[in-house]
Amino acid sequence: MGLYLAMAPFGYLAFAVALRVKHDPNRRARQLQNIQHRAFWLMHRWIEALRLVRLAARSDAHGSIPNQPCVVVANHPTLLDVTAIMAVFGGMCTVVKPRLFRAWWLHALMRGARHIEGATAPTGAAKVVQAAVSRIKHGHRVLIFPEGTRSPEHGISAFGRTAFEIACRANVAIWPVWVRCDPPYLTKTTPLHRLPFPPPVLEITPMAPHQPADYGHDSKAMQRAVMEIYRRRVSEEHSRPQAVERAVELKKRDC
């Protein structure tokens, strides 16, 4: 961990140099996203070395997310989901909370990497959609968590429509990613200091892509279909014998 902290200033130096090189803004954004990808990969390797959380990239018949314009959506069980997805699949743009996006020590990086400032009010969603469509037209992938915040433990919140509206307007695929942390950690109810045993495994698994044309470019229909896939997945995971046993143990402990 000390080595990682010692190397962090060099990462910010790399960001600073990349920001000042006079390249095409989109080419520079891809450079910054690649730096972020490598930094997040290194960060997760150190977290694993400390036996805190192990990152596991799962694969299935659908393979990995292609390095081409698309909208990546995921459930959001932990605080590590953003860094884990970028560590596994490479650089991409994402929507960032306004307070973090405007932080003096991050603002230049956020803008340079073409991340998108989140909406401060419901009426600001249109600007997010417009910005994301622009990123996609310039060749970027966009990562969005349609729940808008972390998932409830062993559950999932209703999806917003923003990600699906972006996909329909840009006419690109939605790539759902399933995120699973077992045992649960860094959820809304499991803080940093309450490390479970055994150490949790954070699994990142891509699922089948969805094309807007399959839904008549109807973002509402696309939203409902993808949300139902996640709800079924949550139900299947929660009914697994290991999950039931762990829930019983936690209930006894709380009593």
Protein backbone atom coordinates (compact mmCIF):
# COMPACT_ATOMS: atom_id res chain seq x y z
CA MET A 1 0.00 0.00 0.00
CA GLY A 2 2.87 2.34 0.80
CA LEU A 3 4.33 1.71 -2.65
CA TYR A 4 0.98 2.50 -4.26
CA LEU A 5 0.72 5.77 -2.34
CA ALA A 6 4.30 6.60 -3.26
CA MET A 7 3.52 6.03 -6.94
CA ALA A 8 0.27 8.02 -6.92
CA PRO A 9 2.01 11.41 -7.46
CA PHE A 10 3.65 9.99 -10.59
CA GLY A 11 0.19 9.06 -11.86
CA TYR A 12 -1.04 12.60 -11.37
CA LEU A 13 2.14 13.85 -13.07
CA ALA A 14 1.29 11.64 -16.06
CA PHE A 15 -2.21 13.12 -16.10
CA ALA A 16 -0.80 16.64 -15.98
CA VAL A 17 1.61 15.98 -18.86
CA ALA A 18 -1.10 14.37 -20.97
CA LEU A 19 -3.44 17.30 -20.33
CA ARG A 20 -0.87 19.79 -21.62
CA VAL A 21 0.16 17.92 -24.75
CA LYS A 22 -1.51 19.59 -27.72
CA HIS A 23 -3.43 16.69 -29.21
CA ASP A 24 -6.92 16.36 -30.57
CA PRO A 25 -9.18 16.50 -27.45
CA ASN A 26 -10.63 13.05 -28.12
CA ARG A 27 -7.21 11.51 -28.65
CA ARG A 28 -6.03 13.10 -25.41
CA ALA A 29 -9.15 11.83 -23.63
CA ARG A 30 -8.36 8.28 -24.71
CA GLN A 31 -4.80 8.68 -23.40
CA LEU A 32 -6.12 9.85 -20.03
CA GLN A 33 -8.66 7.03 -19.91
CA ASN A 34 -5.88 4.51 -20.59
CA ILE A 35 -3.84 5.97 -17.74
CA GLN A 36 -6.89 5.65 -15.49
CA HIS A 37 -7.40 2.07 -16.60
CA ARG A 38 -3.82 1.13 -15.66
CA ALA A 39 -4.00 3.06 -12.38
CA PHE A 40 -7.24 1.33 -11.37
CA TRP A 41 -5.82 -2.06 -12.35
CA LEU A 42 -2.80 -1.41 -10.12
CA MET A 43 -5.01 -0.16 -7.29
CA HIS A 44 -7.08 -3.35 -7.32
CA ARG A 45 -3.96 -5.51 -7.40
CA TRP A 46 -2.78 -3.80 -4.21
CA ILE A 47 -6.20 -4.13 -2.58
CA GLU A 48 -6.03 -7.83 -3.37
CA ALA A 49 -2.45 -8.11 -2.05
CA LEU A 50 -3.66 -6.64 1.24
CA ARG A 51 -6.35 -9.35 1.34
CA LEU A 52 -9.15 -6.80 1.41
CA VAL A 53 -11.09 -7.43 -1.81
CA ARG A 54 -10.23 -9.74 -4.71
CA LEU A 55 -11.29 -8.60 -8.17
CA ALA A 56 -12.43 -11.43 -10.45
CA ALA A 57 -13.31 -10.86 -14.09
CA ARG A 58 -15.78 -13.53 -15.19
CA SER A 59 -16.46 -14.44 -18.80
CA ASP A 60 -19.34 -16.18 -20.49
CA ALA A 61 -20.57 -16.83 -24.01
CA HIS A 62 -20.81 -13.12 -24.71
CA GLY A 63 -17.10 -12.40 -24.20
CA SER A 64 -15.73 -9.00 -23.22
CA ILE A 65 -17.13 -5.58 -23.98
CA PRO A 66 -15.71 -4.43 -27.34
CA ASN A 67 -13.52 -1.36 -27.52
CA GLN A 68 -16.03 0.52 -29.64
CA PRO A 69 -18.78 3.07 -28.95
CA CYS A 70 -21.51 1.67 -26.72
CA VAL A 71 -23.31 2.30 -23.43
CA VAL A 72 -22.19 0.11 -20.52
CA VAL A 73 -24.68 -0.28 -17.66
CA ALA A 74 -24.19 -2.09 -14.37
CA ASN A 75 -25.77 -2.66 -10.99
CA HIS A 76 -23.97 -0.84 -8.19
CA PRO A 77 -23.52 -2.91 -5.00
CA THR A 78 -20.21 -1.41 -3.78
CA LEU A 79 -18.06 1.72 -3.74
CA LEU A 80 -15.47 -0.07 -5.91
CA ASP A 81 -17.69 -0.75 -8.93
CA VAL A 82 -16.52 2.16 -11.11
CA THR A 83 -12.81 1.46 -10.64
CA ALA A 84 -13.33 -2.30 -10.99
CA ILE A 85 -15.22 -2.05 -14.28
CA MET A 86 -12.63 0.32 -15.75
CA ALA A 87 -9.80 -1.90 -14.48
CA VAL A 88 -11.32 -4.91 -16.24
CA PHE A 89 -12.63 -3.43 -19.50
CA GLY A 90 -10.35 -0.44 -20.08
CA GLY A 91 -10.96 3.28 -20.32
CA MET A 92 -14.38 4.80 -20.82
CA CYS A 93 -16.32 7.95 -19.97
CA THR A 94 -18.69 7.95 -17.04
CA VAL A 95 -21.14 10.28 -15.34
CA VAL A 96 -19.62 11.87 -12.21
CA LYS A 97 -21.40 13.54 -9.31
CA PRO A 98 -21.16 17.36 -9.69
CA ARG A 99 -19.38 17.84 -6.34
CA LEU A 100 -16.61 15.44 -7.35
CA PHE A 101 -16.50 16.62 -10.97
CA ARG A 102 -15.92 20.22 -9.85
CA ALA A 103 -13.32 19.44 -7.15
CA TRP A 104 -10.28 21.65 -7.80
CA TRP A 105 -7.85 18.74 -7.76
CA LEU A 106 -9.92 16.61 -10.18
CA HIS A 107 -11.74 19.04 -12.45
CA ALA A 108 -9.04 19.26 -15.16
CA LEU A 109 -8.72 15.47 -15.29
CA MET A 110 -12.48 14.97 -15.45
CA ARG A 111 -12.82 17.38 -18.34
CA GLY A 112 -9.73 16.10 -20.11
CA ALA A 113 -10.86 12.47 -19.93
CA ARG A 114 -14.29 13.56 -21.27
CA HIS A 115 -16.18 12.37 -18.21
CA ILE A 116 -19.65 13.86 -17.87
CA GLU A 117 -20.90 16.05 -15.05
CA GLY A 118 -24.05 14.58 -13.51
CA ALA A 119 -27.32 16.46 -13.37
CA THR A 120 -27.95 18.69 -10.36
CA ALA A 121 -31.73 18.60 -10.98
CA PRO A 122 -34.15 16.38 -12.92
CA THR A 123 -34.21 18.92 -15.73
CA GLY A 124 -30.46 18.49 -16.18
CA ALA A 125 -30.83 14.92 -17.47
CA ALA A 126 -31.22 16.23 -21.03
CA LYS A 127 -27.74 17.78 -20.86
CA VAL A 128 -26.27 14.49 -19.65
CA VAL A 129 -27.91 12.65 -22.56
CA GLN A 130 -26.66 15.23 -25.05
CA ALA A 131 -23.11 15.10 -23.66
CA ALA A 132 -23.04 11.30 -23.66
CA VAL A 133 -24.30 11.07 -27.25
CA SER A 134 -21.53 13.48 -28.25
CA ARG A 135 -18.92 11.29 -26.53
CA ILE A 136 -20.22 8.21 -28.34
CA LYS A 137 -20.13 9.97 -31.72
CA HIS A 138 -16.45 10.71 -31.06
CA GLY A 139 -15.71 7.02 -30.47
CA HIS A 140 -15.96 6.71 -26.68
CA ARG A 141 -17.73 4.15 -24.51
CA VAL A 142 -19.98 5.53 -21.78
CA LEU A 143 -20.49 3.85 -18.39
CA ILE A 144 -23.71 4.56 -16.48
CA PHE A 145 -25.22 3.07 -13.33
CA PRO A 146 -28.96 3.30 -14.06
CA GLU A 147 -29.93 3.00 -10.39
CA GLY A 148 -28.26 6.37 -9.78
CA THR A 149 -26.80 5.26 -6.44
CA ARG A 150 -25.59 2.09 -4.74
CA SER A 151 -27.93 -0.90 -4.86
CA PRO A 152 -29.70 -2.01 -1.70
CA GLU A 153 -28.01 -5.08 -0.21
CA HIS A 154 -29.35 -8.25 -1.88
CA GLY A 155 -31.59 -6.11 -4.08
CA ILE A 156 -31.74 -3.59 -6.89
CA SER A 157 -33.42 -0.20 -7.29
CA ALA A 158 -35.54 0.92 -10.21
CA PHE A 159 -33.55 1.95 -13.30
CA GLY A 160 -33.59 5.45 -14.66
CA ARG A 161 -34.06 5.91 -18.41
CA THR A 162 -30.98 8.03 -19.16
CA ALA A 163 -28.65 5.22 -20.28
CA PHE A 164 -31.27 3.73 -22.59
CA GLU A 165 -32.20 7.09 -24.08
CA ILE A 166 -28.52 7.66 -24.84
CA ALA A 167 -28.24 4.26 -26.56
CA CYS A 168 -31.36 4.86 -28.65
CA ARG A 169 -30.34 8.37 -29.73
CA ALA A 170 -26.77 7.31 -30.57
CA ASN A 171 -27.99 3.98 -32.05
CA VAL A 172 -25.41 1.89 -30.16
CA ALA A 173 -25.67 -1.26 -28.08
CA ILE A 174 -26.33 -1.42 -24.36
CA TRP A 175 -23.84 -3.78 -22.69
CA PRO A 176 -25.10 -4.87 -19.26
CA VAL A 177 -22.49 -5.85 -16.67
CA TRP A 178 -23.33 -7.91 -13.61
CA VAL A 179 -21.44 -6.90 -10.45
CA ARG A 180 -21.47 -9.25 -7.48
CA CYS A 181 -19.61 -8.86 -4.17
CA ASP A 182 -19.60 -11.92 -1.94
CA PRO A 183 -19.73 -11.50 0.99
CA PRO A 184 -21.19 -7.98 0.72
CA TYR A 185 -18.76 -5.14 1.46
CA LEU A 186 -18.68 -1.36 0.99
CA THR A 187 -22.43 -1.38 0.50
CA LYS A 188 -24.72 1.27 1.96
CA THR A 189 -24.89 -0.78 5.18
CA THR A 190 -21.35 -2.27 5.27
CA PRO A 191 -18.74 0.45 5.91
CA LEU A 192 -15.01 0.31 5.27
CA HIS A 193 -14.04 -0.74 8.80
CA ARG A 194 -16.44 -3.72 8.84
CA LEU A 195 -14.40 -6.09 6.68
CA PRO A 196 -16.15 -9.46 6.34
CA PHE A 197 -14.46 -12.84 6.59
CA PRO A 198 -13.51 -14.49 4.35
CA PRO A 199 -12.33 -11.47 2.30
CA PRO A 200 -14.93 -10.61 -0.35
CA VAL A 201 -14.63 -11.36 -4.04
CA LEU A 202 -15.85 -8.67 -6.44
CA GLU A 203 -17.01 -10.37 -9.64
CA ILE A 204 -17.44 -8.45 -12.90
CA THR A 205 -19.36 -10.33 -15.61
CA PRO A 206 -20.51 -8.98 -19.01
CA MET A 207 -23.94 -10.12 -20.17
CA ALA A 208 -25.57 -10.22 -23.61
CA PRO A 209 -25.70 -6.86 -25.45
CA HIS A 210 -29.01 -5.24 -26.40
CA GLN A 211 -29.56 -3.31 -29.63
CA PRO A 212 -31.98 -0.35 -29.80
CA ALA A 213 -33.44 -1.73 -33.04
CA ASP A 214 -34.65 -4.82 -31.15
CA TYR A 215 -36.90 -2.52 -29.12
CA GLY A 216 -38.00 -0.23 -31.95
CA HIS A 217 -35.64 2.43 -30.55
CA ASP A 218 -38.04 2.74 -27.61
CA SER A 219 -35.90 3.62 -24.57
CA LYS A 220 -38.72 2.76 -22.14
CA ALA A 221 -39.11 -0.74 -23.54
CA MET A 222 -35.34 -1.22 -23.47
CA GLN A 223 -35.17 0.02 -19.89
CA ARG A 224 -37.90 -2.38 -18.71
CA ALA A 225 -36.33 -5.39 -20.46
CA VAL A 226 -32.81 -4.82 -19.09
CA MET A 227 -34.08 -4.02 -15.59
CA GLU A 228 -36.05 -7.29 -15.58
CA ILE A 229 -32.85 -9.21 -16.44
CA TYR A 230 -31.13 -7.69 -13.40
CA ARG A 231 -34.09 -8.41 -11.14
CA ARG A 232 -34.07 -12.06 -12.17
CA ARG A 233 -30.32 -12.22 -11.58
CA VAL A 234 -30.70 -10.71 -8.10
CA SER A 235 -33.48 -13.18 -7.29
CA GLU A 236 -31.34 -16.12 -8.45
CA GLU A 237 -28.34 -14.94 -6.44
CA HIS A 238 -30.38 -14.35 -3.28
CA SER A 239 -31.90 -17.83 -3.47
CA ARG A 240 -28.53 -19.59 -3.68
CA PRO A 241 -27.92 -21.87 -0.64
CA GLN A 242 -24.74 -19.96 0.33
CA ALA A 243 -26.62 -16.66 0.32
CA VAL A 244 -29.43 -18.07 2.46
CA GLU A 245 -26.95 -19.51 4.99
CA ARG A 246 -25.07 -16.20 5.21
CA ALA A 247 -28.31 -14.24 5.70
CA VAL A 248 -29.24 -16.55 8.61
CA GLU A 249 -25.79 -16.11 10.18
CA LEU A 250 -25.99 -12.32 9.93
CA LYS A 251 -29.47 -12.30 11.45
CA LYS A 252 -28.23 -14.39 14.42
CA ARG A 253 -25.27 -12.05 14.86
CA ASP A 254 -27.49 -8.95 14.87
CA CYS A 255 -29.74 -10.53 17.53
